PDB file of N, CA and C in Angstrom:
ATOM      1  N   UNK A   1     152.910  66.985-255.293  1.00  0.00           N
ATOM      2  CA  UNK A   1     152.755  68.029-256.268  1.00  0.00           C
ATOM      3  C   UNK A   1     152.153  67.435-257.547  1.00  0.00           C
ATOM      4  N   UNK A   2     151.234  68.138-258.133  1.00  0.00           N
ATOM      5  CA  UNK A   2     150.581  67.688-259.363  1.00  0.00           C
ATOM      6  C   UNK A   2     151.298  68.321-260.553  1.00  0.00           C
ATOM      7  N   UNK A   3     151.581  67.518-261.565  1.00  0.00           N
ATOM      8  CA  UNK A   3     152.230  68.001-262.779  1.00  0.00           C
ATOM      9  C   UNK A   3     151.228  68.029-263.926  1.00  0.00           C
ATOM     10  N   UNK A   4     151.380  68.991-264.801  1.00  0.00           N
ATOM     11  CA  UNK A   4     150.491  69.159-265.949  1.00  0.00           C
ATOM     12  C   UNK A   4     151.291  69.142-267.244  1.00  0.00           C
ATOM     13  N   UNK A   5     150.693  68.574-268.272  1.00  0.00           N
ATOM     14  CA  UNK A   5     151.246  68.601-269.621  1.00  0.00           C
ATOM     15  C   UNK A   5     150.397  69.559-270.441  1.00  0.00           C
ATOM     16  N   UNK A   6     151.024  70.523-271.085  1.00  0.00           N
ATOM     17  CA  UNK A   6     150.305  71.511-271.880  1.00  0.00           C
ATOM     18  C   UNK A   6     149.835  70.887-273.185  1.00  0.00           C
ATOM     19  N   UNK A   7     148.547  71.060-273.480  1.00  0.00           N
ATOM     20  CA  UNK A   7     147.974  70.599-274.740  1.00  0.00           C
ATOM     21  C   UNK A   7     147.885  71.731-275.762  1.00  0.00           C
ATOM     22  N   UNK A   8     147.634  72.955-275.279  1.00  0.00           N
ATOM     23  CA  UNK A   8     147.503  74.088-276.202  1.00  0.00           C
ATOM     24  C   UNK A   8     147.627  75.397-275.436  1.00  0.00           C
ATOM     25  N   UNK A   9     148.099  76.417-276.129  1.00  0.00           N
ATOM     26  CA  UNK A   9     148.072  77.792-275.619  1.00  0.00           C
ATOM     27  C   UNK A   9     147.517  78.664-276.745  1.00  0.00           C
ATOM     28  N   UNK A  10     146.795  79.703-276.365  1.00  0.00           N
ATOM     29  CA  UNK A  10     146.179  80.590-277.356  1.00  0.00           C
ATOM     30  C   UNK A  10     145.790  81.888-276.684  1.00  0.00           C
ATOM     31  N   UNK A  11     145.375  82.849-277.481  1.00  0.00           N
ATOM     32  CA  UNK A  11     144.835  84.113-276.985  1.00  0.00           C
ATOM     33  C   UNK A  11     143.329  84.124-277.227  1.00  0.00           C
ATOM     34  N   UNK A  12     142.582  84.617-276.255  1.00  0.00           N
ATOM     35  CA  UNK A  12     141.135  84.721-276.409  1.00  0.00           C
ATOM     36  C   UNK A  12     140.647  85.917-275.616  1.00  0.00           C
ATOM     37  N   UNK A  13     140.031  86.866-276.271  1.00  0.00           N
ATOM     38  CA  UNK A  13     139.437  88.040-275.615  1.00  0.00           C
ATOM     39  C   UNK A  13     140.427  88.768-274.702  1.00  0.00           C
ATOM     40  N   UNK A  14     141.690  88.836-275.108  1.00  0.00           N
ATOM     41  CA  UNK A  14     142.704  89.535-274.326  1.00  0.00           C
ATOM     42  C   UNK A  14     143.355  88.700-273.245  1.00  0.00           C
ATOM     43  N   UNK A  15     142.970  87.439-273.123  1.00  0.00           N
ATOM     44  CA  UNK A  15     143.533  86.549-272.109  1.00  0.00           C
ATOM     45  C   UNK A  15     144.434  85.512-272.773  1.00  0.00           C
ATOM     46  N   UNK A  16     145.494  85.151-272.068  1.00  0.00           N
ATOM     47  CA  UNK A  16     146.291  84.003-272.490  1.00  0.00           C
ATOM     48  C   UNK A  16     145.567  82.767-271.965  1.00  0.00           C
ATOM     49  N   UNK A  17     145.302  81.814-272.830  1.00  0.00           N
ATOM     50  CA  UNK A  17     144.612  80.582-272.453  1.00  0.00           C
ATOM     51  C   UNK A  17     145.611  79.442-272.483  1.00  0.00           C
ATOM     52  N   UNK A  18     145.643  78.674-271.408  1.00  0.00           N
ATOM     53  CA  UNK A  18     146.478  77.480-271.341  1.00  0.00           C
ATOM     54  C   UNK A  18     145.560  76.297-271.060  1.00  0.00           C
ATOM     55  N   UNK A  19     145.608  75.310-271.959  1.00  0.00           N
ATOM     56  CA  UNK A  19     144.845  74.073-271.792  1.00  0.00           C
ATOM     57  C   UNK A  19     145.867  72.990-271.481  1.00  0.00           C
ATOM     58  N   UNK A  20     145.706  72.352-270.324  1.00  0.00           N
ATOM     59  CA  UNK A  20     146.645  71.303-269.972  1.00  0.00           C
ATOM     60  C   UNK A  20     145.932  70.149-269.279  1.00  0.00           C
ATOM     61  N   UNK A  21     146.673  69.074-269.052  1.00  0.00           N
ATOM     62  CA  UNK A  21     146.081  67.877-268.453  1.00  0.00           C
ATOM     63  C   UNK A  21     147.003  67.325-267.375  1.00  0.00           C
ATOM     64  N   UNK A  22     146.381  66.585-266.473  1.00  0.00           N
ATOM     65  CA  UNK A  22     147.115  65.900-265.422  1.00  0.00           C
ATOM     66  C   UNK A  22     146.464  64.542-265.197  1.00  0.00           C
ATOM     67  N   UNK A  23     147.144  63.684-264.481  1.00  0.00           N
ATOM     68  CA  UNK A  23     146.581  62.360-264.203  1.00  0.00           C
ATOM     69  C   UNK A  23     145.236  62.489-263.481  1.00  0.00           C
ATOM     70  N   UNK A  24     144.393  61.508-263.679  1.00  0.00           N
ATOM     71  CA  UNK A  24     143.076  61.487-263.038  1.00  0.00           C
ATOM     72  C   UNK A  24     143.142  60.611-261.797  1.00  0.00           C
ATOM     73  N   UNK A  25     142.695  61.157-260.672  1.00  0.00           N
ATOM     74  CA  UNK A  25     142.682  60.403-259.420  1.00  0.00           C
ATOM     75  C   UNK A  25     141.537  59.400-259.344  1.00  0.00           C
ATOM     76  N   UNK A  26     140.445  59.695-260.011  1.00  0.00           N
ATOM     77  CA  UNK A  26     139.272  58.829-259.952  1.00  0.00           C
ATOM     78  C   UNK A  26     139.544  57.488-260.611  1.00  0.00           C
ATOM     79  N   UNK A  27     138.959  56.455-260.055  1.00  0.00           N
ATOM     80  CA  UNK A  27     139.042  55.140-260.658  1.00  0.00           C
ATOM     81  C   UNK A  27     137.998  55.062-261.768  1.00  0.00           C
ATOM     82  N   UNK A  28     138.357  54.568-262.934  1.00  0.00           N
ATOM     83  CA  UNK A  28     137.371  54.452-264.012  1.00  0.00           C
ATOM     84  C   UNK A  28     136.137  53.639-263.615  1.00  0.00           C
ATOM     85  N   UNK A  29     136.293  52.720-262.676  1.00  0.00           N
ATOM     86  CA  UNK A  29     135.141  51.928-262.209  1.00  0.00           C
ATOM     87  C   UNK A  29     134.048  52.819-261.614  1.00  0.00           C
ATOM     88  N   UNK A  30     134.476  53.981-261.080  1.00  0.00           N
ATOM     89  CA  UNK A  30     133.519  54.903-260.459  1.00  0.00           C
ATOM     90  C   UNK A  30     132.848  55.834-261.474  1.00  0.00           C
ATOM     91  N   UNK A  31     133.271  55.761-262.731  1.00  0.00           N
ATOM     92  CA  UNK A  31     132.792  56.721-263.728  1.00  0.00           C
ATOM     93  C   UNK A  31     132.038  56.095-264.898  1.00  0.00           C
ATOM     94  N   UNK A  32     132.126  54.794-265.066  1.00  0.00           N
ATOM     95  CA  UNK A  32     131.496  54.152-266.213  1.00  0.00           C
ATOM     96  C   UNK A  32     130.491  53.110-265.759  1.00  0.00           C
ATOM     97  N   UNK A  33     129.470  52.955-266.548  1.00  0.00           N
ATOM     98  CA  UNK A  33     128.420  51.968-266.303  1.00  0.00           C
ATOM     99  C   UNK A  33     128.874  50.635-266.884  1.00  0.00           C
ATOM    100  N   UNK A  34     129.057  49.651-266.018  1.00  0.00           N
ATOM    101  CA  UNK A  34     129.570  48.364-266.491  1.00  0.00           C
ATOM    102  C   UNK A  34     128.548  47.569-267.299  1.00  0.00           C
ATOM    103  N   UNK A  35     127.307  48.058-267.400  1.00  0.00           N
ATOM    104  CA  UNK A  35     126.323  47.376-268.245  1.00  0.00           C
ATOM    105  C   UNK A  35     126.481  47.768-269.717  1.00  0.00           C
ATOM    106  N   UNK A  36     127.180  48.869-269.979  1.00  0.00           N
ATOM    107  CA  UNK A  36     127.370  49.281-271.379  1.00  0.00           C
ATOM    108  C   UNK A  36     128.840  49.369-271.765  1.00  0.00           C
ATOM    109  N   UNK A  37     129.744  49.249-270.812  1.00  0.00           N
ATOM    110  CA  UNK A  37     131.177  49.343-271.087  1.00  0.00           C
ATOM    111  C   UNK A  37     131.905  48.185-270.423  1.00  0.00           C
ATOM    112  N   UNK A  38     132.933  47.718-271.072  1.00  0.00           N
ATOM    113  CA  UNK A  38     133.803  46.709-270.475  1.00  0.00           C
ATOM    114  C   UNK A  38     134.873  47.458-269.679  1.00  0.00           C
ATOM    115  N   UNK A  39     134.568  47.734-268.423  1.00  0.00           N
ATOM    116  CA  UNK A  39     135.446  48.558-267.594  1.00  0.00           C
ATOM    117  C   UNK A  39     136.826  47.931-267.437  1.00  0.00           C
ATOM    118  N   UNK A  40     136.867  46.626-267.290  1.00  0.00           N
ATOM    119  CA  UNK A  40     138.175  45.969-267.131  1.00  0.00           C
ATOM    120  C   UNK A  40     139.034  46.173-268.368  1.00  0.00           C
ATOM    121  N   UNK A  41     138.427  46.134-269.553  1.00  0.00           N
ATOM    122  CA  UNK A  41     139.174  46.365-270.791  1.00  0.00           C
ATOM    123  C   UNK A  41     139.643  47.822-270.871  1.00  0.00           C
ATOM    124  N   UNK A  42     138.783  48.745-270.441  1.00  0.00           N
ATOM    125  CA  UNK A  42     139.168  50.164-270.416  1.00  0.00           C
ATOM    126  C   UNK A  42     140.377  50.355-269.506  1.00  0.00           C
ATOM    127  N   UNK A  43     140.342  49.767-268.328  1.00  0.00           N
ATOM    128  CA  UNK A  43     141.453  49.888-267.380  1.00  0.00           C
ATOM    129  C   UNK A  43     142.727  49.281-267.956  1.00  0.00           C
ATOM    130  N   UNK A  44     142.610  48.137-268.620  1.00  0.00           N
ATOM    131  CA  UNK A  44     143.787  47.525-269.257  1.00  0.00           C
ATOM    132  C   UNK A  44     144.351  48.451-270.336  1.00  0.00           C
ATOM    133  N   UNK A  45     143.455  49.064-271.138  1.00  0.00           N
ATOM    134  CA  UNK A  45     143.917  49.981-272.185  1.00  0.00           C
ATOM    135  C   UNK A  45     144.592  51.221-271.597  1.00  0.00           C
ATOM    136  N   UNK A  46     144.100  51.698-270.455  1.00  0.00           N
ATOM    137  CA  UNK A  46     144.755  52.820-269.772  1.00  0.00           C
ATOM    138  C   UNK A  46     146.145  52.390-269.300  1.00  0.00           C
ATOM    139  N   UNK A  47     146.200  51.227-268.653  1.00  0.00           N
ATOM    140  CA  UNK A  47     147.477  50.728-268.132  1.00  0.00           C
ATOM    141  C   UNK A  47     148.488  50.461-269.245  1.00  0.00           C
ATOM    142  N   UNK A  48     148.017  50.028-270.405  1.00  0.00           N
ATOM    143  CA  UNK A  48     148.907  49.746-271.540  1.00  0.00           C
ATOM    144  C   UNK A  48     149.318  51.021-272.289  1.00  0.00           C
ATOM    145  N   UNK A  49     148.655  52.130-271.976  1.00  0.00           N
ATOM    146  CA  UNK A  49     148.962  53.371-272.672  1.00  0.00           C
ATOM    147  C   UNK A  49     148.177  53.559-273.960  1.00  0.00           C
ATOM    148  N   UNK A  50     147.185  52.720-274.208  1.00  0.00           N
ATOM    149  CA  UNK A  50     146.355  52.852-275.411  1.00  0.00           C
ATOM    150  C   UNK A  50     145.288  53.935-275.240  1.00  0.00           C
ATOM    151  N   UNK A  51     144.909  54.181-274.008  1.00  0.00           N
ATOM    152  CA  UNK A  51     143.961  55.245-273.681  1.00  0.00           C
ATOM    153  C   UNK A  51     144.594  56.151-272.634  1.00  0.00           C
ATOM    154  N   UNK A  52     144.265  57.420-272.694  1.00  0.00           N
ATOM    155  CA  UNK A  52     144.757  58.390-271.715  1.00  0.00           C
ATOM    156  C   UNK A  52     143.591  58.785-270.813  1.00  0.00           C
ATOM    157  N   UNK A  53     143.760  58.629-269.509  1.00  0.00           N
ATOM    158  CA  UNK A  53     142.754  58.902-268.480  1.00  0.00           C
ATOM    159  C   UNK A  53     143.256  60.113-267.702  1.00  0.00           C
ATOM    160  N   UNK A  54     142.573  61.256-267.847  1.00  0.00           N
ATOM    161  CA  UNK A  54     143.147  62.474-267.296  1.00  0.00           C
ATOM    162  C   UNK A  54     142.088  63.475-266.854  1.00  0.00           C
ATOM    163  N   UNK A  55     142.575  64.492-266.152  1.00  0.00           N
ATOM    164  CA  UNK A  55     141.784  65.660-265.775  1.00  0.00           C
ATOM    165  C   UNK A  55     142.263  66.805-266.656  1.00  0.00           C
ATOM    166  N   UNK A  56     141.296  67.541-267.209  1.00  0.00           N
ATOM    167  CA  UNK A  56     141.615  68.675-268.066  1.00  0.00           C
ATOM    168  C   UNK A  56     141.486  69.964-267.269  1.00  0.00           C
ATOM    169  N   UNK A  57     142.434  70.875-267.478  1.00  0.00           N
ATOM    170  CA  UNK A  57     142.405  72.171-266.817  1.00  0.00           C
ATOM    171  C   UNK A  57     142.573  73.250-267.875  1.00  0.00           C
ATOM    172  N   UNK A  58     141.776  74.303-267.752  1.00  0.00           N
ATOM    173  CA  UNK A  58     141.912  75.471-268.621  1.00  0.00           C
ATOM    174  C   UNK A  58     142.102  76.675-267.721  1.00  0.00           C
ATOM    175  N   UNK A  59     143.107  77.509-268.048  1.00  0.00           N
ATOM    176  CA  UNK A  59     143.358  78.716-267.268  1.00  0.00           C
ATOM    177  C   UNK A  59     143.343  79.930-268.184  1.00  0.00           C
ATOM    178  N   UNK A  60     142.818  81.027-267.682  1.00  0.00           N
ATOM    179  CA  UNK A  60     142.815  82.312-268.384  1.00  0.00           C
ATOM    180  C   UNK A  60     143.673  83.271-267.574  1.00  0.00           C
ATOM    181  N   UNK A  61     144.720  83.807-268.210  1.00  0.00           N
ATOM    182  CA  UNK A  61     145.688  84.644-267.510  1.00  0.00           C
ATOM    183  C   UNK A  61     145.866  85.993-268.199  1.00  0.00           C
ATOM    184  N   UNK A  62     146.294  86.968-267.401  1.00  0.00           N
ATOM    185  CA  UNK A  62     146.730  88.269-267.899  1.00  0.00           C
ATOM    186  C   UNK A  62     148.076  88.548-267.244  1.00  0.00           C
ATOM    187  N   UNK A  63     149.081  88.785-268.064  1.00  0.00           N
ATOM    188  CA  UNK A  63     150.430  89.049-267.558  1.00  0.00           C
ATOM    189  C   UNK A  63     150.886  87.994-266.552  1.00  0.00           C
ATOM    190  N   UNK A  64     150.546  86.751-266.814  1.00  0.00           N
ATOM    191  CA  UNK A  64     150.959  85.658-265.947  1.00  0.00           C
ATOM    192  C   UNK A  64     150.121  85.461-264.704  1.00  0.00           C
ATOM    193  N   UNK A  65     149.096  86.274-264.511  1.00  0.00           N
ATOM    194  CA  UNK A  65     148.217  86.152-263.353  1.00  0.00           C
ATOM    195  C   UNK A  65     146.938  85.435-263.749  1.00  0.00           C
ATOM    196  N   UNK A  66     146.652  84.328-263.081  1.00  0.00           N
ATOM    197  CA  UNK A  66     145.449  83.557-263.378  1.00  0.00           C
ATOM    198  C   UNK A  66     144.214  84.271-262.835  1.00  0.00           C
ATOM    199  N   UNK A  67     143.267  84.547-263.730  1.00  0.00           N
ATOM    200  CA  UNK A  67     142.027  85.206-263.333  1.00  0.00           C
ATOM    201  C   UNK A  67     140.819  84.297-263.451  1.00  0.00           C
ATOM    202  N   UNK A  68     140.944  83.223-264.187  1.00  0.00           N
ATOM    203  CA  UNK A  68     139.832  82.293-264.341  1.00  0.00           C
ATOM    204  C   UNK A  68     140.346  80.909-264.677  1.00  0.00           C
ATOM    205  N   UNK A  69     139.545  79.895-264.325  1.00  0.00           N
ATOM    206  CA  UNK A  69     139.935  78.518-264.622  1.00  0.00           C
ATOM    207  C   UNK A  69     138.701  77.632-264.685  1.00  0.00           C
ATOM    208  N   UNK A  70     138.896  76.467-265.288  1.00  0.00           N
ATOM    209  CA  UNK A  70     137.856  75.446-265.340  1.00  0.00           C
ATOM    210  C   UNK A  70     138.548  74.087-265.319  1.00  0.00           C
ATOM    211  N   UNK A  71     137.919  73.132-264.669  1.00  0.00           N
ATOM    212  CA  UNK A  71     138.471  71.787-264.546  1.00  0.00           C
ATOM    213  C   UNK A  71     137.401  70.772-264.921  1.00  0.00           C
ATOM    214  N   UNK A  72     137.829  69.678-265.548  1.00  0.00           N
ATOM    215  CA  UNK A  72     136.924  68.581-265.856  1.00  0.00           C
ATOM    216  C   UNK A  72     137.696  67.285-265.762  1.00  0.00           C
ATOM    217  N   UNK A  73     137.218  66.404-264.914  1.00  0.00           N
ATOM    218  CA  UNK A  73     137.866  65.116-264.732  1.00  0.00           C
ATOM    219  C   UNK A  73     137.177  64.029-265.535  1.00  0.00           C
ATOM    220  N   UNK A  74     137.761  62.850-265.474  1.00  0.00           N
ATOM    221  CA  UNK A  74     137.181  61.694-266.144  1.00  0.00           C
ATOM    222  C   UNK A  74     137.273  61.746-267.647  1.00  0.00           C
ATOM    223  N   UNK A  75     138.325  62.355-268.152  1.00  0.00           N
ATOM    224  CA  UNK A  75     138.517  62.451-269.598  1.00  0.00           C
ATOM    225  C   UNK A  75     139.226  61.181-270.081  1.00  0.00           C
ATOM    226  N   UNK A  76     138.669  60.552-271.098  1.00  0.00           N
ATOM    227  CA  UNK A  76     139.226  59.298-271.622  1.00  0.00           C
ATOM    228  C   UNK A  76     139.334  59.403-273.139  1.00  0.00           C
ATOM    229  N   UNK A  77     140.572  59.427-273.630  1.00  0.00           N
ATOM    230  CA  UNK A  77     140.821  59.585-275.060  1.00  0.00           C
ATOM    231  C   UNK A  77     142.011  58.728-275.477  1.00  0.00           C
ATOM    232  N   UNK A  78     142.012  58.308-276.734  1.00  0.00           N
ATOM    233  CA  UNK A  78     143.210  57.695-277.293  1.00  0.00           C
ATOM    234  C   UNK A  78     144.292  58.757-277.427  1.00  0.00           C
ATOM    235  N   UNK A  79     143.902  59.936-277.887  1.00  0.00           N
ATOM    236  CA  UNK A  79     144.810  61.065-278.056  1.00  0.00           C
ATOM    237  C   UNK A  79     144.203  62.255-277.302  1.00  0.00           C
ATOM    238  N   UNK A  80     144.838  62.717-276.237  1.00  0.00           N
ATOM    239  CA  UNK A  80     144.259  63.803-275.434  1.00  0.00           C
ATOM    240  C   UNK A  80     143.970  65.076-276.220  1.00  0.00           C
ATOM    241  N   UNK A  81     144.700  65.307-277.312  1.00  0.00           N
ATOM    242  CA  UNK A  81     144.449  66.526-278.074  1.00  0.00           C
ATOM    243  C   UNK A  81     143.093  66.505-278.777  1.00  0.00           C
ATOM    244  N   UNK A  82     142.449  65.344-278.849  1.00  0.00           N
ATOM    245  CA  UNK A  82     141.105  65.261-279.426  1.00  0.00           C
ATOM    246  C   UNK A  82     140.116  66.147-278.670  1.00  0.00           C
ATOM    247  N   UNK A  83     140.355  66.350-277.373  1.00  0.00           N
ATOM    248  CA  UNK A  83     139.434  67.173-276.577  1.00  0.00           C
ATOM    249  C   UNK A  83     139.485  68.640-277.015  1.00  0.00           C
ATOM    250  N   UNK A  84     140.520  69.001-277.785  1.00  0.00           N
ATOM    251  CA  UNK A  84     140.627  70.368-278.284  1.00  0.00           C
ATOM    252  C   UNK A  84     139.696  70.622-279.469  1.00  0.00           C
ATOM    253  N   UNK A  85     139.218  69.561-280.091  1.00  0.00           N
ATOM    254  CA  UNK A  85     138.394  69.716-281.293  1.00  0.00           C
ATOM    255  C   UNK A  85     136.986  69.145-281.156  1.00  0.00           C
ATOM    256  N   UNK A  86     136.692  68.479-280.053  1.00  0.00           N
ATOM    257  CA  UNK A  86     135.361  67.866-279.919  1.00  0.00           C
ATOM    258  C   UNK A  86     134.375  68.706-279.104  1.00  0.00           C
ATOM    259  N   UNK A  87     134.799  69.899-278.685  1.00  0.00           N
ATOM    260  CA  UNK A  87     133.916  70.788-277.930  1.00  0.00           C
ATOM    261  C   UNK A  87     134.173  70.787-276.427  1.00  0.00           C
ATOM    262  N   UNK A  88     134.840  69.770-275.911  1.00  0.00           N
ATOM    263  CA  UNK A  88     135.085  69.689-274.461  1.00  0.00           C
ATOM    264  C   UNK A  88     135.923  70.859-273.971  1.00  0.00           C
ATOM    265  N   UNK A  89     137.078  71.062-274.584  1.00  0.00           N
ATOM    266  CA  UNK A  89     137.957  72.154-274.161  1.00  0.00           C
ATOM    267  C   UNK A  89     137.322  73.508-274.456  1.00  0.00           C
ATOM    268  N   UNK A  90     136.629  73.620-275.576  1.00  0.00           N
ATOM    269  CA  UNK A  90     136.018  74.905-275.953  1.00  0.00           C
ATOM    270  C   UNK A  90     135.011  75.360-274.899  1.00  0.00           C
ATOM    271  N   UNK A  91     134.194  74.454-274.412  1.00  0.00           N
ATOM    272  CA  UNK A  91     133.251  74.803-273.346  1.00  0.00           C
ATOM    273  C   UNK A  91     133.990  75.305-272.106  1.00  0.00           C
ATOM    274  N   UNK A  92     135.081  74.646-271.784  1.00  0.00           N
ATOM    275  CA  UNK A  92     135.852  75.028-270.608  1.00  0.00           C
ATOM    276  C   UNK A  92     136.573  76.362-270.824  1.00  0.00           C
ATOM    277  N   UNK A  93     137.021  76.613-272.032  1.00  0.00           N
ATOM    278  CA  UNK A  93     137.653  77.899-272.343  1.00  0.00           C
ATOM    279  C   UNK A  93     136.647  79.021-272.122  1.00  0.00           C
ATOM    280  N   UNK A  94     135.431  78.831-272.622  1.00  0.00           N
ATOM    281  CA  UNK A  94     134.379  79.845-272.430  1.00  0.00           C
ATOM    282  C   UNK A  94     134.100  80.071-270.945  1.00  0.00           C
ATOM    283  N   UNK A  95     134.069  79.004-270.175  1.00  0.00           N
ATOM    284  CA  UNK A  95     133.840  79.105-268.735  1.00  0.00           C
ATOM    285  C   UNK A  95     134.980  79.857-268.043  1.00  0.00           C
ATOM    286  N   UNK A  96     136.217  79.526-268.383  1.00  0.00           N
ATOM    287  CA  UNK A  96     137.379  80.181-267.757  1.00  0.00           C
ATOM    288  C   UNK A  96     137.449  81.659-268.141  1.00  0.00           C
ATOM    289  N   UNK A  97     137.155  81.986-269.388  1.00  0.00           N
ATOM    290  CA  UNK A  97     137.184  83.377-269.832  1.00  0.00           C
ATOM    291  C   UNK A  97     136.087  84.177-269.152  1.00  0.00           C
ATOM    292  N   UNK A  98     134.903  83.601-269.023  1.00  0.00           N
ATOM    293  CA  UNK A  98     133.804  84.299-268.337  1.00  0.00           C
ATOM    294  C   UNK A  98     134.181  84.594-266.888  1.00  0.00           C
ATOM    295  N   UNK A  99     134.776  83.628-266.212  1.00  0.00           N
ATOM    296  CA  UNK A  99     135.226  83.841-264.833  1.00  0.00           C
ATOM    297  C   UNK A  99     136.314  84.909-264.788  1.00  0.00           C
ATOM    298  N   UNK A 100     137.243  84.861-265.735  1.00  0.00           N
ATOM    299  CA  UNK A 100     138.345  85.832-265.770  1.00  0.00           C
ATOM    300  C   UNK A 100     137.820  87.247-265.996  1.00  0.00           C
ATOM    301  N   UNK A 101     136.825  87.403-266.843  1.00  0.00           N
ATOM    302  CA  UNK A 101     136.251  88.730-267.083  1.00  0.00           C
ATOM    303  C   UNK A 101     135.592  89.278-265.818  1.00  0.00           C
ATOM    304  N   UNK A 102     134.865  88.425-265.099  1.00  0.00           N
ATOM    305  CA  UNK A 102     134.252  88.859-263.837  1.00  0.00           C
ATOM    306  C   UNK A 102     135.324  89.251-262.820  1.00  0.00           C
ATOM    307  N   UNK A 103     136.360  88.452-262.738  1.00  0.00           N
ATOM    308  CA  UNK A 103     137.442  88.727-261.783  1.00  0.00           C
ATOM    309  C   UNK A 103     138.193  89.994-262.176  1.00  0.00           C
ATOM    310  N   UNK A 104     138.408  90.205-263.460  1.00  0.00           N
ATOM    311  CA  UNK A 104     139.098  91.415-263.921  1.00  0.00           C
ATOM    312  C   UNK A 104     138.295  92.663-263.554  1.00  0.00           C
ATOM    313  N   UNK A 105     136.983  92.616-263.746  1.00  0.00           N
ATOM    314  CA  UNK A 105     136.139  93.763-263.380  1.00  0.00           C
ATOM    315  C   UNK A 105     136.211  94.029-261.884  1.00  0.00           C
ATOM    316  N   UNK A 106     136.180  92.967-261.093  1.00  0.00           N
ATOM    317  CA  UNK A 106     136.261  93.122-259.648  1.00  0.00           C
ATOM    318  C   UNK A 106     137.599  93.728-259.252  1.00  0.00           C
ATOM    319  N   UNK A 107     138.673  93.247-259.866  1.00  0.00           N
ATOM    320  CA  UNK A 107     140.016  93.728-259.526  1.00  0.00           C
ATOM    321  C   UNK A 107     140.242  95.176-259.949  1.00  0.00           C
ATOM    322  N   UNK A 108     139.659  95.588-261.043  1.00  0.00           N
ATOM    323  CA  UNK A 108     139.816  96.977-261.485  1.00  0.00           C
ATOM    324  C   UNK A 108     139.360  97.920-260.378  1.00  0.00           C
ATOM    325  N   UNK A 109     138.198  97.625-259.798  1.00  0.00           N
ATOM    326  CA  UNK A 109     137.708  98.461-258.700  1.00  0.00           C
ATOM    327  C   UNK A 109     138.621  98.421-257.489  1.00  0.00           C
ATOM    328  N   UNK A 110     139.023  97.236-257.103  1.00  0.00           N
ATOM    329  CA  UNK A 110     139.894  97.086-255.933  1.00  0.00           C
ATOM    330  C   UNK A 110     141.258  97.726-256.156  1.00  0.00           C
ATOM    331  N   UNK A 111     141.835  97.510-257.328  1.00  0.00           N
ATOM    332  CA  UNK A 111     143.166  98.051-257.598  1.00  0.00           C
ATOM    333  C   UNK A 111     143.151  99.566-257.746  1.00  0.00           C
ATOM    334  N   UNK A 112     142.062 100.114-258.265  1.00  0.00           N
ATOM    335  CA  UNK A 112     142.009 101.575-258.380  1.00  0.00           C
ATOM    336  C   UNK A 112     142.012 102.212-256.995  1.00  0.00           C
ATOM    337  N   UNK A 113     141.400 101.567-256.021  1.00  0.00           N
ATOM    338  CA  UNK A 113     141.428 102.080-254.643  1.00  0.00           C
ATOM    339  C   UNK A 113     142.844 102.011-254.079  1.00  0.00           C
ATOM    340  N   UNK A 114     143.549 100.917-254.367  1.00  0.00           N
ATOM    341  CA  UNK A 114     144.921 100.764-253.876  1.00  0.00           C
ATOM    342  C   UNK A 114     145.831 101.803-254.507  1.00  0.00           C
ATOM    343  N   UNK A 115     145.685 102.013-255.803  1.00  0.00           N
ATOM    344  CA  UNK A 115     146.520 102.984-256.495  1.00  0.00           C
ATOM    345  C   UNK A 115     146.221 104.383-255.996  1.00  0.00           C
ATOM    346  N   UNK A 116     144.936 104.729-255.790  1.00  0.00           N
ATOM    347  CA  UNK A 116     144.576 106.041-255.287  1.00  0.00           C
ATOM    348  C   UNK A 116     145.174 106.274-253.894  1.00  0.00           C
ATOM    349  N   UNK A 117     145.134 105.260-253.052  1.00  0.00           N
ATOM    350  CA  UNK A 117     145.675 105.341-251.703  1.00  0.00           C
ATOM    351  C   UNK A 117     147.200 105.479-251.734  1.00  0.00           C
ATOM    352  N   UNK A 118     147.838 104.761-252.620  1.00  0.00           N
ATOM    353  CA  UNK A 118     149.306 104.779-252.704  1.00  0.00           C
ATOM    354  C   UNK A 118     149.834 106.120-253.196  1.00  0.00           C
ATOM    355  N   UNK A 119     149.026 106.861-253.952  1.00  0.00           N
ATOM    356  CA  UNK A 119     149.485 108.143-254.490  1.00  0.00           C
ATOM    357  C   UNK A 119     149.324 109.281-253.504  1.00  0.00           C
ATOM    358  N   UNK A 120     148.640 109.038-252.397  1.00  0.00           N
ATOM    359  CA  UNK A 120     148.413 110.111-251.397  1.00  0.00           C
ATOM    360  C   UNK A 120     149.633 110.353-250.577  1.00  0.00           C
TER     361      UNK A 120
END
């Protein structure tokens, strides 16, 4: 089971937004160019807790039902909350909300058919 730590919750365009993080499965060696980064030092800093290596998840919900989401792996920060102010999370929030709006429109049509059928 994967566990998530919540970084932020907010309201956006009628949706509850939850931004959270979980451990990253990818090895940093697979994500960084060793010609410009000291990968071994990065890994040591992750292991020491000086850097946080994680996957970011954003969910858009209505009444507790997830209608949209976005994921981004390979996040490396000293403080994970920095991703809330550098544009990374904001891009993902926009993506999750756009997906949620499309899903909400689709569900309105489907649910109206179910409700009409149930009232007969």
